[in-house]
């Protein structure tokens, strides 16, 4: 991490940003388990009309509500901006649907303390036995494509479980506003000369419903890739 030596990486200097959209069923559990690892947890409710925001507050999270749905990318940027203004060293990003295990935040803290990477991203590809075949195939194709564009290997570019150092955050506050933002984040970091490290994680597949629109978001992905290949 490129910052002064005295900057520590621990539960007091790292905060969590959890984008959520219609997650009243899962969000309280995610928040409680995250707060066991970190002192500061923010949920960004992206225009839900259910009890997502109330459940998150009752579980102990700080909550910012977008009056209308603005997309996952905008939710992540809201969280990054919030913690940057409060001078936290790093921000952990994890989903609100229970796919990411908050207990594995410890893996990111350990990796951040032992590497100079300014962006850490979870990788589910060490054990794909429980990953649906189609998702596995798509992940591998997209990860190979994006890795080539980034000029460095990123085994699981589609994983939303991430840790960002504050030095990189100002460069991540523009760009795409929906799921393509997570890909753009990797490209921007790579073109800034940042090293991206992967952290092996597990992923829970249960009753979560993906907010990804297959056709629309695939078109956004290819449009994003074309734009950056021209730069």
Protein backbone atom coordinates (compact mmCIF):
# COMPACT_ATOMS: atom_id res chain seq x y z
CA UNK A 1 0.00 0.00 0.00
CA UNK A 2 1.52 3.29 -1.08
CA UNK A 3 1.06 5.46 1.96
CA UNK A 4 3.00 6.57 5.01
CA UNK A 5 4.48 3.69 7.04
CA UNK A 6 2.42 4.57 10.10
CA UNK A 7 -0.87 3.88 8.29
CA UNK A 8 -2.15 0.64 9.79
CA UNK A 9 -4.53 -1.87 8.26
CA UNK A 10 -6.93 -3.06 10.93
CA UNK A 11 -10.57 -2.92 12.00
CA UNK A 12 -10.26 0.72 13.08
CA UNK A 13 -8.79 2.03 9.80
CA UNK A 14 -10.79 -0.10 7.36
CA UNK A 15 -14.50 0.49 6.73
CA UNK A 16 -17.10 -1.53 4.84
CA UNK A 17 -19.37 -0.36 2.02
CA UNK A 18 -22.27 -2.68 1.23
CA UNK A 19 -24.41 -1.83 -1.82
CA UNK A 20 -27.91 -3.24 -1.41
CA UNK A 21 -31.07 -3.38 -3.50
CA UNK A 22 -34.14 -5.17 -2.14
CA UNK A 23 -32.11 -7.13 0.42
CA UNK A 24 -34.36 -6.95 3.50
CA UNK A 25 -34.07 -10.72 3.94
CA UNK A 26 -30.26 -10.90 4.08
CA UNK A 27 -28.89 -7.46 4.94
CA UNK A 28 -29.23 -7.61 8.74
CA UNK A 29 -27.19 -10.80 8.98
CA UNK A 30 -24.54 -9.44 6.62
CA UNK A 31 -24.27 -6.24 8.66
CA UNK A 32 -24.04 -7.98 12.02
CA UNK A 33 -21.34 -10.35 10.83
CA UNK A 34 -19.41 -7.52 9.17
CA UNK A 35 -19.51 -5.47 12.37
CA UNK A 36 -17.83 -8.37 14.16
CA UNK A 37 -14.84 -7.69 11.89
CA UNK A 38 -14.95 -3.93 11.36
CA UNK A 39 -16.01 -1.01 13.50
CA UNK A 40 -17.52 1.01 10.65
CA UNK A 41 -20.13 -0.40 8.27
CA UNK A 42 -22.11 1.55 5.67
CA UNK A 43 -25.04 0.19 3.67
CA UNK A 44 -26.01 2.03 0.50
CA UNK A 45 -29.68 1.31 -0.20
CA UNK A 46 -30.05 1.89 -3.91
CA UNK A 47 -33.68 2.91 -4.09
CA UNK A 48 -35.28 -0.17 -2.51
CA UNK A 49 -38.94 0.09 -1.55
CA UNK A 50 -38.81 -2.76 0.97
CA UNK A 51 -37.32 -2.71 4.49
CA UNK A 52 -33.66 -2.95 3.43
CA UNK A 53 -32.67 0.39 4.98
CA UNK A 54 -34.52 -0.20 8.26
CA UNK A 55 -33.09 -3.72 8.64
CA UNK A 56 -29.56 -2.41 8.04
CA UNK A 57 -29.95 0.37 10.61
CA UNK A 58 -31.41 -1.99 13.19
CA UNK A 59 -28.42 -4.28 12.72
CA UNK A 60 -26.02 -1.41 13.48
CA UNK A 61 -25.02 -0.04 10.07
CA UNK A 62 -24.85 3.54 8.96
CA UNK A 63 -27.20 3.87 5.96
CA UNK A 64 -27.31 6.14 2.94
CA UNK A 65 -30.44 5.85 0.80
CA UNK A 66 -30.56 6.72 -2.88
CA UNK A 67 -34.08 8.08 -3.51
CA UNK A 68 -34.12 6.26 -6.86
CA UNK A 69 -32.24 3.26 -8.19
CA UNK A 70 -28.95 4.50 -9.61
CA UNK A 71 -27.09 1.23 -10.19
CA UNK A 72 -24.53 -0.82 -8.32
CA UNK A 73 -21.65 1.27 -9.61
CA UNK A 74 -23.15 4.47 -8.23
CA UNK A 75 -23.82 2.74 -4.91
CA UNK A 76 -20.19 1.65 -4.64
CA UNK A 77 -19.01 5.16 -5.50
CA UNK A 78 -21.29 6.61 -2.82
CA UNK A 79 -19.65 4.30 -0.28
CA UNK A 80 -16.10 5.01 -1.46
CA UNK A 81 -16.69 8.76 -1.39
CA UNK A 82 -18.22 8.57 2.09
CA UNK A 83 -15.25 6.77 3.65
CA UNK A 84 -12.62 8.76 1.71
CA UNK A 85 -14.00 11.95 3.23
CA UNK A 86 -13.59 10.36 6.66
CA UNK A 87 -9.95 9.44 6.07
CA UNK A 88 -10.15 5.67 6.31
CA UNK A 89 -7.14 3.82 4.95
CA UNK A 90 -9.07 1.15 3.04
CA UNK A 91 -12.63 0.28 2.09
CA UNK A 92 -13.98 -3.26 1.93
CA UNK A 93 -16.79 -3.76 -0.61
CA UNK A 94 -19.08 -6.76 -0.25
CA UNK A 95 -22.55 -7.67 -1.45
CA UNK A 96 -25.64 -7.47 0.72
CA UNK A 97 -27.20 -10.75 -0.42
CA UNK A 98 -25.06 -13.12 1.64
CA UNK A 99 -22.91 -14.41 -1.24
CA UNK A 100 -19.78 -13.09 0.45
CA UNK A 101 -18.78 -14.31 3.90
CA UNK A 102 -17.99 -11.35 6.16
CA UNK A 103 -15.75 -13.67 8.17
CA UNK A 104 -13.37 -13.63 5.20
CA UNK A 105 -12.75 -9.91 5.64
CA UNK A 106 -9.88 -11.11 7.81
CA UNK A 107 -8.25 -12.58 4.67
CA UNK A 108 -8.29 -9.16 3.02
CA UNK A 109 -6.85 -7.45 6.08
CA UNK A 110 -4.00 -9.97 6.18
CA UNK A 111 -3.34 -9.64 2.44
CA UNK A 112 -3.39 -5.84 2.63
CA UNK A 113 -0.81 -5.90 5.41
CA UNK A 114 1.56 -8.12 3.43
CA UNK A 115 1.33 -6.68 -0.09
CA UNK A 116 1.72 -3.37 -1.88
CA UNK A 117 -1.45 -3.90 -3.91
CA UNK A 118 -3.86 -0.98 -3.86
CA UNK A 119 -6.73 -3.18 -4.99
CA UNK A 120 -7.54 -6.64 -3.66
CA UNK A 121 -10.24 -8.76 -5.27
CA UNK A 122 -11.75 -12.02 -4.11
CA UNK A 123 -11.32 -15.11 -6.23
CA UNK A 124 -13.79 -17.99 -6.17
CA UNK A 125 -11.93 -19.91 -8.84
CA UNK A 126 -9.79 -22.07 -6.54
CA UNK A 127 -12.83 -24.24 -5.92
CA UNK A 128 -15.54 -24.03 -8.56
CA UNK A 129 -17.31 -27.29 -7.66
CA UNK A 130 -20.35 -25.42 -6.32
CA UNK A 131 -20.40 -22.74 -9.00
CA UNK A 132 -23.08 -23.22 -11.68
CA UNK A 133 -21.51 -24.30 -14.98
CA UNK A 134 -22.76 -21.35 -17.02
CA UNK A 135 -21.53 -18.87 -14.43
CA UNK A 136 -18.16 -20.62 -14.29
CA UNK A 137 -17.77 -20.50 -18.06
CA UNK A 138 -18.80 -16.84 -18.28
CA UNK A 139 -16.49 -15.89 -15.40
CA UNK A 140 -13.51 -17.56 -17.05
CA UNK A 141 -14.17 -15.97 -20.42
CA UNK A 142 -14.64 -12.49 -18.97
CA UNK A 143 -11.70 -12.83 -16.58
CA UNK A 144 -9.36 -13.87 -19.41
CA UNK A 145 -10.58 -11.02 -21.60
CA UNK A 146 -10.30 -8.38 -18.88
CA UNK A 147 -6.93 -9.69 -17.65
CA UNK A 148 -5.47 -9.21 -21.13
CA UNK A 149 -6.79 -5.65 -21.26
CA UNK A 150 -5.45 -4.93 -17.77
CA UNK A 151 -2.05 -6.45 -18.51
CA UNK A 152 -2.05 -8.58 -15.37
CA UNK A 153 -3.73 -11.84 -14.32
CA UNK A 154 -7.02 -11.45 -12.44
CA UNK A 155 -8.55 -14.91 -11.94
CA UNK A 156 -12.06 -13.76 -11.01
CA UNK A 157 -12.82 -10.31 -12.40
CA UNK A 158 -16.53 -10.73 -11.71
CA UNK A 159 -16.18 -11.02 -7.94
CA UNK A 160 -17.66 -8.07 -6.04
CA UNK A 161 -15.79 -8.78 -2.79
CA UNK A 162 -12.98 -6.20 -2.88
CA UNK A 163 -10.71 -3.98 -0.85
CA UNK A 164 -9.59 -0.56 -2.12
CA UNK A 165 -6.85 1.64 -0.71
CA UNK A 166 -7.68 5.32 -0.26
CA UNK A 167 -4.87 6.34 -2.67
CA UNK A 168 -6.82 4.78 -5.53
CA UNK A 169 -10.33 5.94 -4.59
CA UNK A 170 -10.22 9.43 -6.20
CA UNK A 171 -9.64 7.76 -9.58
CA UNK A 172 -12.68 5.51 -9.10
CA UNK A 173 -15.36 8.13 -8.52
CA UNK A 174 -16.36 8.55 -12.17
CA UNK A 175 -17.14 6.17 -14.99
CA UNK A 176 -19.88 3.60 -15.34
CA UNK A 177 -22.80 3.44 -12.95
CA UNK A 178 -24.06 -0.14 -13.09
CA UNK A 179 -22.47 -3.60 -13.04
CA UNK A 180 -19.93 -2.62 -15.69
CA UNK A 181 -18.38 -0.30 -13.10
CA UNK A 182 -16.78 -3.28 -11.35
CA UNK A 183 -14.94 -4.12 -14.58
CA UNK A 184 -14.00 -0.49 -15.19
CA UNK A 185 -12.54 -0.30 -11.69
CA UNK A 186 -10.01 -2.99 -12.61
CA UNK A 187 -9.08 -1.30 -15.89
CA UNK A 188 -8.63 2.10 -14.26
CA UNK A 189 -6.49 0.65 -11.48
CA UNK A 190 -4.30 -1.22 -13.96
CA UNK A 191 -3.79 1.83 -16.17
CA UNK A 192 -2.77 3.81 -13.09
CA UNK A 193 -0.01 1.27 -12.63
CA UNK A 194 -1.64 -0.35 -9.62
CA UNK A 195 -0.97 -3.94 -8.74
CA UNK A 196 -4.09 -6.04 -8.26
CA UNK A 197 -3.89 -9.05 -5.95
CA UNK A 198 -6.43 -11.85 -5.61
CA UNK A 199 -7.66 -13.23 -2.29
CA UNK A 200 -9.07 -16.79 -2.37
CA UNK A 201 -12.61 -16.78 -0.96
CA UNK A 202 -15.66 -19.00 -0.82
CA UNK A 203 -19.03 -18.02 -2.19
CA UNK A 204 -22.41 -19.10 -0.92
CA UNK A 205 -25.06 -19.84 -3.55
CA UNK A 206 -28.50 -19.89 -1.96
CA UNK A 207 -31.73 -18.07 -2.80
CA UNK A 208 -30.23 -14.77 -3.93
CA UNK A 209 -31.73 -13.29 -7.08
CA UNK A 210 -29.25 -11.62 -9.41
CA UNK A 211 -29.98 -8.03 -10.40
CA UNK A 212 -27.95 -8.46 -13.57
CA UNK A 213 -29.94 -8.10 -16.79
CA UNK A 214 -28.25 -10.64 -19.12
CA UNK A 215 -28.72 -8.83 -22.43
CA UNK A 216 -28.48 -5.23 -21.28
CA UNK A 217 -25.47 -5.74 -19.00
CA UNK A 218 -23.64 -7.92 -21.53
CA UNK A 219 -24.00 -5.14 -24.09
CA UNK A 220 -22.68 -2.64 -21.54
CA UNK A 221 -19.69 -4.90 -20.93
CA UNK A 222 -18.75 -5.14 -24.62
CA UNK A 223 -19.26 -1.41 -25.10
CA UNK A 224 -16.93 -0.74 -22.16
CA UNK A 225 -14.29 -3.12 -23.55
CA UNK A 226 -14.41 -1.49 -26.99
CA UNK A 227 -13.99 1.96 -25.49
CA UNK A 228 -10.91 1.03 -23.47
CA UNK A 229 -9.29 -0.90 -26.30
CA UNK A 230 -9.30 2.34 -28.28
CA UNK A 231 -7.57 4.31 -25.53
